[in-house]
Amino acid sequence: MATKSQKKTDNIQEKIIASYMDFVLTEQKQPASIYAFAKHVGIDEASFYKEYTSFKDIDIAIWKQAAEQTINALMASEEFQTYNSREKLLGFFYTLVEALNANRSYFLYSLKEQGPMHKNLGEFKSQIENFAKPTIQQGLADKELEERKFISDRYHDAVWVNTLFILNFWSNDNSKGFEKTDAAIEKSVNLMLELMGKSALDSLLDMGKFLLQNGIRK
């Protein structure tokens, strides 16, 4: 149960985040200074610095919050716990996009400001990796995914790359209800898991290994 102090902190954070999002979307630029922004919010400068050290920190927190809300919503579902790794990844990306759509204008602004290096997505990425790693391990244990020496330990990197692909597709999607993004999620997750699963390349390598081991070289 949250204490009064924690609730007060959460309320200040929510107030700062809501005011910051409103400001940058209205003005299409960051506030001139922390002092000016704190005055705009109706708090003193010291109260701002207790929660964040810069406007960049607010942006980082907003992205992290979107990932946390997505994961928490999924984990609270009993049905989700019965899903295989493919279903969990699909559910994750569908739910994440719903969370982003709730504040689409802000996230599009943020992506534009960050540029191709996605400099403020470090904690967002960490949240996604924390979700991806046990999901991948489930897939390996259930034989949905193929164990590969030196490679399967990095499968979660593919989930992050897929996240960046979906973010880029979603940010340029003008279809009704962003239905094309839903299709992109399904196709990209299917492809990603097919590459992680038993593939034609694995069969070819197995055959080559068999021929070499049995002396059939000519």
N, C-alpha and C. Protein backbone atom coordinates (compact mmCIF):
# COMPACT_ATOMS: atom_id res chain seq x y z
N MET A 1 0.85 -1.21 0.00
CA MET A 1 0.00 0.00 0.00
C MET A 1 0.88 1.25 0.00
N ALA A 2 0.57 2.20 -0.91
CA ALA A 2 1.40 3.39 -1.04
C ALA A 2 1.21 4.32 0.17
N THR A 3 2.30 4.89 0.63
CA THR A 3 2.25 5.85 1.73
C THR A 3 1.79 7.21 1.22
N LYS A 4 1.44 8.11 2.15
CA LYS A 4 1.03 9.46 1.75
C LYS A 4 2.14 10.17 1.00
N SER A 5 3.38 9.95 1.46
CA SER A 5 4.53 10.57 0.82
C SER A 5 4.69 10.07 -0.62
N GLN A 6 4.50 8.75 -0.82
CA GLN A 6 4.62 8.18 -2.16
C GLN A 6 3.51 8.70 -3.08
N LYS A 7 2.29 8.78 -2.53
CA LYS A 7 1.17 9.29 -3.32
C LYS A 7 1.42 10.73 -3.74
N LYS A 8 1.99 11.54 -2.81
CA LYS A 8 2.29 12.94 -3.13
C LYS A 8 3.33 13.01 -4.24
N THR A 9 4.36 12.15 -4.15
CA THR A 9 5.40 12.12 -5.18
C THR A 9 4.81 11.73 -6.52
N ASP A 10 3.96 10.69 -6.52
CA ASP A 10 3.33 10.23 -7.76
C ASP A 10 2.48 11.32 -8.37
N ASN A 11 1.75 12.06 -7.53
CA ASN A 11 0.89 13.14 -8.02
C ASN A 11 1.71 14.26 -8.66
N ILE A 12 2.84 14.59 -8.04
CA ILE A 12 3.71 15.64 -8.60
C ILE A 12 4.29 15.18 -9.93
N GLN A 13 4.73 13.91 -9.98
CA GLN A 13 5.27 13.38 -11.24
C GLN A 13 4.22 13.41 -12.34
N GLU A 14 3.00 12.99 -12.02
CA GLU A 14 1.91 12.99 -13.00
C GLU A 14 1.61 14.41 -13.47
N LYS A 15 1.65 15.35 -12.54
CA LYS A 15 1.38 16.75 -12.88
C LYS A 15 2.46 17.30 -13.80
N ILE A 16 3.71 16.98 -13.49
CA ILE A 16 4.82 17.45 -14.32
C ILE A 16 4.74 16.84 -15.72
N ILE A 17 4.50 15.54 -15.79
CA ILE A 17 4.43 14.85 -17.08
C ILE A 17 3.29 15.40 -17.93
N ALA A 18 2.10 15.52 -17.33
CA ALA A 18 0.94 16.02 -18.08
C ALA A 18 1.18 17.45 -18.57
N SER A 19 1.77 18.28 -17.74
CA SER A 19 2.02 19.68 -18.11
C SER A 19 3.09 19.77 -19.19
N TYR A 20 4.11 18.91 -19.09
CA TYR A 20 5.18 18.92 -20.10
C TYR A 20 4.65 18.47 -21.46
N MET A 21 3.86 17.40 -21.48
CA MET A 21 3.30 16.92 -22.73
C MET A 21 2.42 17.99 -23.37
N ASP A 22 1.60 18.62 -22.56
CA ASP A 22 0.72 19.67 -23.07
C ASP A 22 1.52 20.85 -23.62
N PHE A 23 2.58 21.22 -22.92
CA PHE A 23 3.39 22.38 -23.34
C PHE A 23 4.06 22.13 -24.69
N VAL A 24 4.77 21.00 -24.80
CA VAL A 24 5.53 20.76 -26.04
C VAL A 24 4.61 20.54 -27.23
N LEU A 25 3.43 19.98 -27.01
CA LEU A 25 2.51 19.77 -28.12
C LEU A 25 1.83 21.07 -28.54
N THR A 26 1.62 21.96 -27.59
CA THR A 26 1.03 23.26 -27.91
C THR A 26 2.04 24.20 -28.54
N GLU A 27 3.25 24.22 -27.97
CA GLU A 27 4.28 25.16 -28.43
C GLU A 27 5.23 24.56 -29.46
N GLN A 28 5.21 23.22 -29.57
CA GLN A 28 6.12 22.51 -30.47
C GLN A 28 7.59 22.82 -30.18
N LYS A 29 7.89 22.98 -28.91
CA LYS A 29 9.26 23.18 -28.45
C LYS A 29 9.29 22.98 -26.95
N GLN A 30 10.48 22.78 -26.41
CA GLN A 30 10.63 22.63 -24.96
C GLN A 30 10.48 23.99 -24.27
N PRO A 31 10.11 23.99 -22.98
CA PRO A 31 10.08 25.26 -22.23
C PRO A 31 11.45 25.92 -22.23
N ALA A 32 11.46 27.22 -22.02
CA ALA A 32 12.71 27.97 -22.08
C ALA A 32 13.68 27.58 -20.97
N SER A 33 13.15 27.18 -19.81
CA SER A 33 14.00 26.81 -18.68
C SER A 33 13.20 26.00 -17.67
N ILE A 34 13.91 25.33 -16.79
CA ILE A 34 13.25 24.60 -15.71
C ILE A 34 12.45 25.57 -14.83
N TYR A 35 13.05 26.74 -14.56
CA TYR A 35 12.38 27.74 -13.72
C TYR A 35 11.05 28.16 -14.33
N ALA A 36 11.08 28.48 -15.63
CA ALA A 36 9.86 28.93 -16.31
C ALA A 36 8.81 27.82 -16.34
N PHE A 37 9.26 26.60 -16.54
CA PHE A 37 8.32 25.48 -16.61
C PHE A 37 7.72 25.20 -15.24
N ALA A 38 8.53 25.21 -14.19
CA ALA A 38 8.02 24.98 -12.84
C ALA A 38 6.95 26.01 -12.49
N LYS A 39 7.19 27.24 -12.87
CA LYS A 39 6.22 28.32 -12.64
C LYS A 39 4.93 28.03 -13.41
N HIS A 40 5.09 27.53 -14.64
CA HIS A 40 3.95 27.18 -15.48
C HIS A 40 3.13 26.05 -14.84
N VAL A 41 3.81 25.09 -14.24
CA VAL A 41 3.15 23.95 -13.61
C VAL A 41 2.48 24.35 -12.30
N GLY A 42 3.06 25.34 -11.64
CA GLY A 42 2.53 25.77 -10.35
C GLY A 42 3.25 25.14 -9.18
N ILE A 43 4.52 24.79 -9.40
CA ILE A 43 5.35 24.25 -8.33
C ILE A 43 6.64 25.05 -8.27
N ASP A 44 7.39 24.90 -7.17
CA ASP A 44 8.68 25.60 -7.12
C ASP A 44 9.74 24.75 -7.82
N GLU A 45 10.85 25.41 -8.13
CA GLU A 45 11.92 24.74 -8.88
C GLU A 45 12.49 23.55 -8.11
N ALA A 46 12.59 23.67 -6.79
CA ALA A 46 13.13 22.59 -5.98
C ALA A 46 12.26 21.34 -6.08
N SER A 47 10.95 21.52 -6.14
CA SER A 47 10.03 20.38 -6.26
C SER A 47 10.23 19.66 -7.58
N PHE A 48 10.52 20.42 -8.62
CA PHE A 48 10.79 19.80 -9.92
C PHE A 48 12.04 18.92 -9.84
N TYR A 49 13.10 19.47 -9.26
CA TYR A 49 14.38 18.76 -9.22
C TYR A 49 14.36 17.54 -8.29
N LYS A 50 13.38 17.47 -7.41
CA LYS A 50 13.25 16.26 -6.59
C LYS A 50 12.81 15.07 -7.43
N GLU A 51 12.14 15.36 -8.56
CA GLU A 51 11.60 14.30 -9.41
C GLU A 51 12.42 14.08 -10.68
N TYR A 52 12.89 15.16 -11.29
CA TYR A 52 13.62 15.07 -12.57
C TYR A 52 14.76 16.09 -12.57
N THR A 53 15.79 15.78 -13.33
CA THR A 53 16.93 16.70 -13.40
C THR A 53 16.93 17.51 -14.70
N SER A 54 16.10 17.10 -15.66
CA SER A 54 16.07 17.79 -16.96
C SER A 54 14.79 17.43 -17.70
N PHE A 55 14.54 18.11 -18.81
CA PHE A 55 13.40 17.77 -19.65
C PHE A 55 13.61 16.42 -20.32
N LYS A 56 14.86 16.09 -20.59
CA LYS A 56 15.17 14.78 -21.16
C LYS A 56 14.71 13.67 -20.23
N ASP A 57 14.90 13.86 -18.94
CA ASP A 57 14.47 12.85 -17.95
C ASP A 57 12.96 12.63 -17.99
N ILE A 58 12.21 13.70 -18.27
CA ILE A 58 10.75 13.55 -18.36
C ILE A 58 10.40 12.68 -19.57
N ASP A 59 11.04 12.94 -20.68
CA ASP A 59 10.79 12.16 -21.89
C ASP A 59 11.14 10.69 -21.68
N ILE A 60 12.28 10.44 -21.04
CA ILE A 60 12.70 9.07 -20.72
C ILE A 60 11.63 8.39 -19.86
N ALA A 61 11.13 9.11 -18.87
CA ALA A 61 10.13 8.56 -17.96
C ALA A 61 8.82 8.25 -18.67
N ILE A 62 8.44 9.08 -19.63
CA ILE A 62 7.18 8.86 -20.37
C ILE A 62 7.26 7.58 -21.20
N TRP A 63 8.39 7.37 -21.86
CA TRP A 63 8.57 6.14 -22.65
C TRP A 63 8.62 4.91 -21.75
N LYS A 64 9.34 5.03 -20.65
CA LYS A 64 9.43 3.92 -19.71
C LYS A 64 8.05 3.57 -19.16
N GLN A 65 7.28 4.59 -18.85
CA GLN A 65 5.94 4.39 -18.31
C GLN A 65 5.05 3.64 -19.30
N ALA A 66 5.18 3.95 -20.59
CA ALA A 66 4.38 3.26 -21.61
C ALA A 66 4.69 1.76 -21.63
N ALA A 67 5.98 1.42 -21.53
CA ALA A 67 6.38 0.02 -21.51
C ALA A 67 5.91 -0.66 -20.24
N GLU A 68 6.07 0.01 -19.10
CA GLU A 68 5.65 -0.56 -17.81
C GLU A 68 4.15 -0.82 -17.78
N GLN A 69 3.37 0.13 -18.26
CA GLN A 69 1.92 -0.03 -18.28
C GLN A 69 1.52 -1.21 -19.15
N THR A 70 2.21 -1.35 -20.28
CA THR A 70 1.94 -2.46 -21.20
C THR A 70 2.20 -3.80 -20.52
N ILE A 71 3.37 -3.93 -19.92
CA ILE A 71 3.76 -5.19 -19.28
C ILE A 71 2.86 -5.49 -18.08
N ASN A 72 2.57 -4.49 -17.27
CA ASN A 72 1.72 -4.70 -16.10
C ASN A 72 0.32 -5.15 -16.49
N ALA A 73 -0.23 -4.57 -17.57
CA ALA A 73 -1.56 -4.96 -18.04
C ALA A 73 -1.57 -6.40 -18.49
N LEU A 74 -0.52 -6.82 -19.18
CA LEU A 74 -0.43 -8.20 -19.66
C LEU A 74 -0.27 -9.18 -18.51
N MET A 75 0.60 -8.86 -17.58
CA MET A 75 0.87 -9.75 -16.46
C MET A 75 -0.33 -9.91 -15.54
N ALA A 76 -1.23 -8.93 -15.55
CA ALA A 76 -2.42 -9.00 -14.70
C ALA A 76 -3.50 -9.90 -15.30
N SER A 77 -3.29 -10.31 -16.56
CA SER A 77 -4.28 -11.15 -17.24
C SER A 77 -3.97 -12.64 -17.02
N GLU A 78 -4.93 -13.37 -16.47
CA GLU A 78 -4.75 -14.81 -16.27
C GLU A 78 -4.63 -15.53 -17.60
N GLU A 79 -5.37 -15.07 -18.59
CA GLU A 79 -5.33 -15.70 -19.92
C GLU A 79 -3.94 -15.57 -20.53
N PHE A 80 -3.32 -14.40 -20.32
CA PHE A 80 -2.00 -14.16 -20.89
C PHE A 80 -0.99 -15.18 -20.38
N GLN A 81 -1.13 -15.62 -19.14
CA GLN A 81 -0.19 -16.57 -18.56
C GLN A 81 -0.22 -17.92 -19.26
N THR A 82 -1.29 -18.21 -20.00
CA THR A 82 -1.41 -19.49 -20.70
C THR A 82 -0.87 -19.42 -22.13
N TYR A 83 -0.48 -18.24 -22.57
CA TYR A 83 -0.02 -18.06 -23.95
C TYR A 83 1.35 -18.69 -24.17
N ASN A 84 1.62 -19.11 -25.42
CA ASN A 84 2.97 -19.51 -25.79
C ASN A 84 3.77 -18.25 -26.11
N SER A 85 5.03 -18.42 -26.45
CA SER A 85 5.90 -17.24 -26.63
C SER A 85 5.46 -16.38 -27.80
N ARG A 86 4.98 -17.01 -28.87
CA ARG A 86 4.50 -16.23 -30.03
C ARG A 86 3.31 -15.38 -29.64
N GLU A 87 2.36 -15.97 -28.95
CA GLU A 87 1.16 -15.24 -28.53
C GLU A 87 1.50 -14.12 -27.56
N LYS A 88 2.48 -14.36 -26.68
CA LYS A 88 2.88 -13.32 -25.74
C LYS A 88 3.53 -12.14 -26.45
N LEU A 89 4.36 -12.41 -27.44
CA LEU A 89 5.02 -11.32 -28.17
C LEU A 89 4.00 -10.53 -28.99
N LEU A 90 3.08 -11.24 -29.62
CA LEU A 90 2.02 -10.54 -30.36
C LEU A 90 1.20 -9.67 -29.41
N GLY A 91 0.82 -10.25 -28.28
CA GLY A 91 0.04 -9.51 -27.29
C GLY A 91 0.78 -8.29 -26.79
N PHE A 92 2.09 -8.46 -26.59
CA PHE A 92 2.90 -7.34 -26.12
C PHE A 92 2.88 -6.18 -27.11
N PHE A 93 3.15 -6.47 -28.37
CA PHE A 93 3.23 -5.40 -29.36
C PHE A 93 1.88 -4.75 -29.62
N TYR A 94 0.80 -5.54 -29.67
CA TYR A 94 -0.53 -4.97 -29.84
C TYR A 94 -0.86 -4.03 -28.68
N THR A 95 -0.56 -4.47 -27.46
CA THR A 95 -0.88 -3.67 -26.27
C THR A 95 0.01 -2.44 -26.19
N LEU A 96 1.27 -2.57 -26.58
CA LEU A 96 2.18 -1.42 -26.57
C LEU A 96 1.69 -0.34 -27.53
N VAL A 97 1.28 -0.74 -28.72
CA VAL A 97 0.79 0.24 -29.69
C VAL A 97 -0.47 0.93 -29.18
N GLU A 98 -1.33 0.19 -28.48
CA GLU A 98 -2.51 0.81 -27.88
C GLU A 98 -2.09 1.88 -26.86
N ALA A 99 -1.07 1.57 -26.07
CA ALA A 99 -0.58 2.54 -25.09
C ALA A 99 -0.01 3.77 -25.77
N LEU A 100 0.70 3.57 -26.86
CA LEU A 100 1.28 4.70 -27.59
C LEU A 100 0.19 5.52 -28.28
N ASN A 101 -0.84 4.85 -28.76
CA ASN A 101 -1.93 5.57 -29.42
C ASN A 101 -2.66 6.51 -28.47
N ALA A 102 -2.65 6.19 -27.18
CA ALA A 102 -3.32 7.03 -26.18
C ALA A 102 -2.71 8.43 -26.14
N ASN A 103 -1.42 8.53 -26.49
CA ASN A 103 -0.74 9.83 -26.54
C ASN A 103 0.10 9.90 -27.82
N ARG A 104 -0.51 9.54 -28.94
CA ARG A 104 0.22 9.43 -30.21
C ARG A 104 0.94 10.73 -30.58
N SER A 105 0.27 11.86 -30.42
CA SER A 105 0.88 13.13 -30.81
C SER A 105 2.19 13.37 -30.06
N TYR A 106 2.19 13.04 -28.76
CA TYR A 106 3.42 13.25 -28.00
C TYR A 106 4.52 12.30 -28.45
N PHE A 107 4.20 11.04 -28.62
CA PHE A 107 5.24 10.08 -28.98
C PHE A 107 5.81 10.36 -30.38
N LEU A 108 4.97 10.85 -31.29
CA LEU A 108 5.48 11.23 -32.61
C LEU A 108 6.43 12.43 -32.49
N TYR A 109 6.04 13.39 -31.65
CA TYR A 109 6.90 14.55 -31.39
C TYR A 109 8.24 14.09 -30.81
N SER A 110 8.18 13.20 -29.84
CA SER A 110 9.39 12.71 -29.18
C SER A 110 10.31 11.99 -30.15
N LEU A 111 9.74 11.11 -30.98
CA LEU A 111 10.56 10.38 -31.96
C LEU A 111 11.23 11.32 -32.94
N LYS A 112 10.51 12.35 -33.34
CA LYS A 112 11.09 13.34 -34.27
C LYS A 112 12.23 14.09 -33.62
N GLU A 113 12.04 14.48 -32.36
CA GLU A 113 13.07 15.24 -31.65
C GLU A 113 14.31 14.38 -31.36
N GLN A 114 14.10 13.10 -31.07
CA GLN A 114 15.22 12.21 -30.75
C GLN A 114 16.07 11.88 -31.97
N GLY A 115 15.43 11.82 -33.13
CA GLY A 115 16.16 11.47 -34.35
C GLY A 115 16.42 9.98 -34.44
N PRO A 116 17.17 9.55 -35.44
CA PRO A 116 17.39 8.13 -35.71
C PRO A 116 18.15 7.38 -34.62
N MET A 117 18.82 8.09 -33.72
CA MET A 117 19.60 7.42 -32.67
C MET A 117 18.73 7.01 -31.48
N HIS A 118 17.49 7.48 -31.42
CA HIS A 118 16.57 7.14 -30.33
C HIS A 118 17.26 7.31 -28.96
N LYS A 119 17.82 8.47 -28.74
CA LYS A 119 18.69 8.70 -27.58
C LYS A 119 17.99 8.64 -26.22
N ASN A 120 16.66 8.72 -26.20
CA ASN A 120 15.95 8.71 -24.91
C ASN A 120 15.24 7.39 -24.63
N LEU A 121 15.53 6.35 -25.38
CA LEU A 121 14.78 5.09 -25.26
C LEU A 121 15.52 4.02 -24.47
N GLY A 122 16.57 4.39 -23.75
CA GLY A 122 17.35 3.40 -23.00
C GLY A 122 16.55 2.62 -21.98
N GLU A 123 15.78 3.32 -21.15
CA GLU A 123 14.99 2.64 -20.12
C GLU A 123 13.78 1.93 -20.73
N PHE A 124 13.24 2.49 -21.77
CA PHE A 124 12.17 1.84 -22.53
C PHE A 124 12.67 0.51 -23.08
N LYS A 125 13.87 0.52 -23.63
CA LYS A 125 14.50 -0.70 -24.15
C LYS A 125 14.71 -1.72 -23.03
N SER A 126 15.17 -1.27 -21.88
CA SER A 126 15.41 -2.19 -20.75
C SER A 126 14.13 -2.89 -20.32
N GLN A 127 13.02 -2.14 -20.29
CA GLN A 127 11.74 -2.73 -19.93
C GLN A 127 11.34 -3.82 -20.94
N ILE A 128 11.56 -3.54 -22.21
CA ILE A 128 11.21 -4.51 -23.25
C ILE A 128 12.09 -5.75 -23.16
N GLU A 129 13.36 -5.56 -22.89
CA GLU A 129 14.26 -6.70 -22.73
C GLU A 129 13.88 -7.54 -21.52
N ASN A 130 13.45 -6.89 -20.44
CA ASN A 130 13.02 -7.61 -19.24
C ASN A 130 11.80 -8.49 -19.53
N PHE A 131 10.97 -8.04 -20.46
CA PHE A 131 9.82 -8.84 -20.88
C PHE A 131 10.26 -9.92 -21.87
N ALA A 132 11.13 -9.56 -22.80
CA ALA A 132 11.50 -10.47 -23.88
C ALA A 132 12.30 -11.68 -23.40
N LYS A 133 13.22 -11.48 -22.46
CA LYS A 133 14.11 -12.57 -22.06
C LYS A 133 13.37 -13.80 -21.52
N PRO A 134 12.47 -13.66 -20.53
CA PRO A 134 11.76 -14.85 -20.06
C PRO A 134 10.81 -15.41 -21.11
N THR A 135 10.29 -14.54 -21.99
CA THR A 135 9.40 -15.02 -23.06
C THR A 135 10.18 -15.88 -24.05
N ILE A 136 11.40 -15.45 -24.36
CA ILE A 136 12.26 -16.22 -25.25
C ILE A 136 12.65 -17.54 -24.58
N GLN A 137 12.96 -17.49 -23.30
CA GLN A 137 13.33 -18.71 -22.57
C GLN A 137 12.18 -19.71 -22.58
N GLN A 138 10.95 -19.22 -22.47
CA GLN A 138 9.79 -20.10 -22.55
C GLN A 138 9.74 -20.77 -23.92
N GLY A 139 9.99 -19.98 -24.97
CA GLY A 139 9.97 -20.52 -26.32
C GLY A 139 11.04 -21.58 -26.54
N LEU A 140 12.20 -21.38 -25.95
CA LEU A 140 13.28 -22.36 -26.06
C LEU A 140 12.93 -23.63 -25.30
N ALA A 141 12.36 -23.47 -24.10
CA ALA A 141 11.99 -24.63 -23.28
C ALA A 141 10.90 -25.45 -23.94
N ASP A 142 9.97 -24.77 -24.62
CA ASP A 142 8.85 -25.45 -25.27
C ASP A 142 9.19 -25.92 -26.68
N LYS A 143 10.44 -25.68 -27.12
CA LYS A 143 10.92 -26.09 -28.44
C LYS A 143 10.24 -25.32 -29.58
N GLU A 144 9.62 -24.18 -29.24
CA GLU A 144 9.11 -23.30 -30.29
C GLU A 144 10.28 -22.64 -31.03
N LEU A 145 11.33 -22.37 -30.26
CA LEU A 145 12.52 -21.71 -30.79
C LEU A 145 13.70 -22.66 -30.74
N GLU A 146 14.64 -22.43 -31.62
CA GLU A 146 15.79 -23.31 -31.74
C GLU A 146 16.97 -22.79 -30.91
N GLU A 147 17.52 -23.67 -30.12
CA GLU A 147 18.72 -23.33 -29.34
C GLU A 147 19.91 -23.30 -30.28
N ARG A 148 20.62 -22.17 -30.32
CA ARG A 148 21.79 -22.03 -31.18
C ARG A 148 22.95 -21.47 -30.36
N LYS A 149 24.08 -22.11 -30.41
CA LYS A 149 25.24 -21.70 -29.64
C LYS A 149 25.64 -20.27 -29.99
N PHE A 150 25.84 -19.47 -28.98
CA PHE A 150 26.26 -18.06 -29.07
C PHE A 150 25.16 -17.14 -29.62
N ILE A 151 24.10 -17.68 -30.18
CA ILE A 151 23.09 -16.85 -30.83
C ILE A 151 21.81 -16.74 -30.01
N SER A 152 21.34 -17.87 -29.47
CA SER A 152 20.06 -17.84 -28.76
C SER A 152 20.10 -16.96 -27.52
N ASP A 153 21.28 -16.75 -26.95
CA ASP A 153 21.41 -15.85 -25.80
C ASP A 153 21.14 -14.39 -26.18
N ARG A 154 21.16 -14.12 -27.48
CA ARG A 154 20.94 -12.75 -27.96
C ARG A 154 19.62 -12.59 -28.69
N TYR A 155 18.75 -13.58 -28.61
CA TYR A 155 17.46 -13.49 -29.29
C TYR A 155 16.67 -12.26 -28.85
N HIS A 156 16.83 -11.85 -27.60
CA HIS A 156 16.08 -10.68 -27.13
C HIS A 156 16.45 -9.42 -27.89
N ASP A 157 17.66 -9.40 -28.48
CA ASP A 157 18.05 -8.25 -29.30
C ASP A 157 17.14 -8.13 -30.52
N ALA A 158 16.73 -9.27 -31.05
CA ALA A 158 15.83 -9.26 -32.21
C ALA A 158 14.48 -8.66 -31.84
N VAL A 159 14.04 -8.87 -30.60
CA VAL A 159 12.78 -8.29 -30.14
C VAL A 159 12.90 -6.76 -30.11
N TRP A 160 14.04 -6.26 -29.68
CA TRP A 160 14.25 -4.81 -29.67
C TRP A 160 14.30 -4.25 -31.08
N VAL A 161 15.00 -4.93 -31.98
CA VAL A 161 15.05 -4.49 -33.38
C VAL A 161 13.65 -4.47 -33.96
N ASN A 162 12.85 -5.48 -33.63
CA ASN A 162 11.48 -5.52 -34.11
C ASN A 162 10.65 -4.38 -33.53
N THR A 163 10.95 -4.00 -32.28
CA THR A 163 10.27 -2.86 -31.66
C THR A 163 10.54 -1.58 -32.44
N LEU A 164 11.79 -1.38 -32.82
CA LEU A 164 12.16 -0.19 -33.59
C LEU A 164 11.47 -0.18 -34.95
N PHE A 165 11.39 -1.36 -35.58
CA PHE A 165 10.69 -1.47 -36.86
C PHE A 165 9.23 -1.07 -36.70
N ILE A 166 8.58 -1.60 -35.66
CA ILE A 166 7.16 -1.32 -35.44
C ILE A 166 6.95 0.16 -35.11
N LEU A 167 7.83 0.74 -34.30
CA LEU A 167 7.72 2.18 -34.00
C LEU A 167 7.80 3.01 -35.27
N ASN A 168 8.72 2.67 -36.14
CA ASN A 168 8.88 3.42 -37.39
C ASN A 168 7.65 3.25 -38.28
N PHE A 169 7.17 2.00 -38.39
CA PHE A 169 5.99 1.74 -39.23
C PHE A 169 4.78 2.48 -38.67
N TRP A 170 4.57 2.36 -37.37
CA TRP A 170 3.43 2.99 -36.69
C TRP A 170 3.46 4.51 -36.86
N SER A 171 4.64 5.10 -36.77
CA SER A 171 4.75 6.56 -36.84
C SER A 171 4.40 7.09 -38.23
N ASN A 172 4.46 6.22 -39.24
CA ASN A 172 4.14 6.62 -40.62
C ASN A 172 2.82 6.04 -41.12
N ASP A 173 2.09 5.37 -40.24
CA ASP A 173 0.85 4.70 -40.62
C ASP A 173 -0.32 5.68 -40.60
N ASN A 174 -0.95 5.85 -41.76
CA ASN A 174 -2.11 6.72 -41.86
C ASN A 174 -3.41 5.94 -42.11
N SER A 175 -3.35 4.63 -41.93
CA SER A 175 -4.54 3.81 -42.18
C SER A 175 -5.57 3.98 -41.07
N LYS A 176 -6.82 3.70 -41.39
CA LYS A 176 -7.90 3.83 -40.42
C LYS A 176 -7.67 2.89 -39.25
N GLY A 177 -7.69 3.46 -38.03
CA GLY A 177 -7.48 2.64 -36.85
C GLY A 177 -6.10 2.02 -36.78
N PHE A 178 -5.17 2.52 -37.60
CA PHE A 178 -3.79 2.01 -37.67
C PHE A 178 -3.78 0.49 -37.90
N GLU A 179 -4.74 0.05 -38.76
CA GLU A 179 -4.88 -1.38 -39.02
C GLU A 179 -3.66 -1.96 -39.73
N LYS A 180 -2.96 -1.12 -40.49
CA LYS A 180 -1.75 -1.61 -41.17
C LYS A 180 -0.65 -1.91 -40.17
N THR A 181 -0.62 -1.16 -39.07
CA THR A 181 0.37 -1.44 -38.02
C THR A 181 0.09 -2.80 -37.40
N ASP A 182 -1.19 -3.13 -37.19
CA ASP A 182 -1.54 -4.45 -36.66
C ASP A 182 -1.04 -5.55 -37.57
N ALA A 183 -1.20 -5.34 -38.89
CA ALA A 183 -0.73 -6.33 -39.86
C ALA A 183 0.79 -6.42 -39.83
N ALA A 184 1.47 -5.27 -39.68
CA ALA A 184 2.93 -5.25 -39.62
C ALA A 184 3.43 -5.99 -38.39
N ILE A 185 2.72 -5.84 -37.28
CA ILE A 185 3.09 -6.55 -36.05
C ILE A 185 3.03 -8.05 -36.27
N GLU A 186 1.93 -8.53 -36.81
CA GLU A 186 1.76 -9.97 -37.02
C GLU A 186 2.82 -10.53 -37.96
N LYS A 187 3.03 -9.85 -39.07
CA LYS A 187 4.00 -10.35 -40.06
C LYS A 187 5.43 -10.30 -39.53
N SER A 188 5.79 -9.23 -38.82
CA SER A 188 7.16 -9.10 -38.33
C SER A 188 7.45 -10.08 -37.21
N VAL A 189 6.47 -10.31 -36.32
CA VAL A 189 6.66 -11.29 -35.24
C VAL A 189 6.76 -12.69 -35.81
N ASN A 190 5.91 -13.01 -36.79
CA ASN A 190 5.98 -14.33 -37.42
C ASN A 190 7.34 -14.56 -38.06
N LEU A 191 7.84 -13.55 -38.77
CA LEU A 191 9.14 -13.68 -39.42
C LEU A 191 10.25 -13.83 -38.39
N MET A 192 10.20 -13.01 -37.36
CA MET A 192 11.23 -13.06 -36.31
C MET A 192 11.29 -14.44 -35.68
N LEU A 193 10.13 -15.02 -35.36
CA LEU A 193 10.11 -16.32 -34.70
C LEU A 193 10.46 -17.46 -35.66
N GLU A 194 10.15 -17.28 -36.94
CA GLU A 194 10.56 -18.28 -37.92
C GLU A 194 12.09 -18.32 -38.02
N LEU A 195 12.72 -17.16 -37.95
CA LEU A 195 14.18 -17.10 -37.99
C LEU A 195 14.80 -17.68 -36.73
N MET A 196 14.10 -17.54 -35.60
CA MET A 196 14.58 -18.11 -34.34
C MET A 196 14.28 -19.60 -34.24
N GLY A 197 13.31 -20.06 -35.01
CA GLY A 197 12.94 -21.47 -34.97
C GLY A 197 13.78 -22.31 -35.91
N LYS A 198 13.38 -23.56 -36.04
CA LYS A 198 14.07 -24.47 -36.95
C LYS A 198 13.83 -24.00 -38.38
N SER A 199 14.90 -23.73 -39.12
CA SER A 199 14.75 -23.18 -40.46
C SER A 199 15.45 -24.05 -41.49
N ALA A 200 15.24 -23.68 -42.75
CA ALA A 200 15.89 -24.40 -43.85
C ALA A 200 17.41 -24.33 -43.72
N LEU A 201 17.92 -23.21 -43.20
CA LEU A 201 19.37 -23.07 -43.02
C LEU A 201 19.88 -24.10 -42.02
N ASP A 202 19.13 -24.32 -40.94
CA ASP A 202 19.53 -25.33 -39.96
C ASP A 202 19.58 -26.71 -40.60
N SER A 203 18.59 -27.02 -41.43
CA SER A 203 18.55 -28.33 -42.09
C SER A 203 19.74 -28.50 -43.03
N LEU A 204 20.08 -27.41 -43.73
CA LEU A 204 21.22 -27.45 -44.64
C LEU A 204 22.52 -27.66 -43.87
N LEU A 205 22.68 -26.95 -42.75
CA LEU A 205 23.89 -27.11 -41.94
C LEU A 205 23.98 -28.51 -41.34
N ASP A 206 22.84 -29.05 -40.91
CA ASP A 206 22.81 -30.40 -40.36
C ASP A 206 23.23 -31.42 -41.41
N MET A 207 22.74 -31.24 -42.63
CA MET A 207 23.10 -32.16 -43.71
C MET A 207 24.59 -32.06 -44.03
N GLY A 208 25.11 -30.84 -44.07
CA GLY A 208 26.53 -30.66 -44.34
C GLY A 208 27.39 -31.29 -43.26
N LYS A 209 26.96 -31.11 -41.99
CA LYS A 209 27.68 -31.72 -40.87
C LYS A 209 27.65 -33.24 -40.96
N PHE A 210 26.49 -33.78 -41.32
CA PHE A 210 26.35 -35.22 -41.47
C PHE A 210 27.27 -35.76 -42.56
N LEU A 211 27.30 -35.07 -43.70
CA LEU A 211 28.13 -35.53 -44.82
C LEU A 211 29.61 -35.47 -44.46
N LEU A 212 30.01 -34.41 -43.76
CA LEU A 212 31.41 -34.29 -43.36
C LEU A 212 31.81 -35.36 -42.35
N GLN A 213 30.91 -35.61 -41.39
CA GLN A 213 31.21 -36.61 -40.37
C GLN A 213 31.28 -38.02 -40.93
N ASN A 214 30.59 -38.23 -42.03
CA ASN A 214 30.55 -39.57 -42.62
C ASN A 214 31.46 -39.70 -43.84
N GLY A 215 32.31 -38.72 -44.00
CA GLY A 215 33.35 -38.83 -45.02
C GLY A 215 32.87 -38.65 -46.45
N ILE A 216 31.67 -38.06 -46.65
CA ILE A 216 31.18 -37.88 -48.00
C ILE A 216 31.53 -36.46 -48.43
N ARG A 217 32.70 -36.33 -49.02
CA ARG A 217 33.21 -35.00 -49.31
C ARG A 217 33.26 -34.70 -50.80
N LYS A 218 33.09 -35.71 -51.60
CA LYS A 218 33.26 -35.48 -53.04
C LYS A 218 31.90 -35.26 -53.68
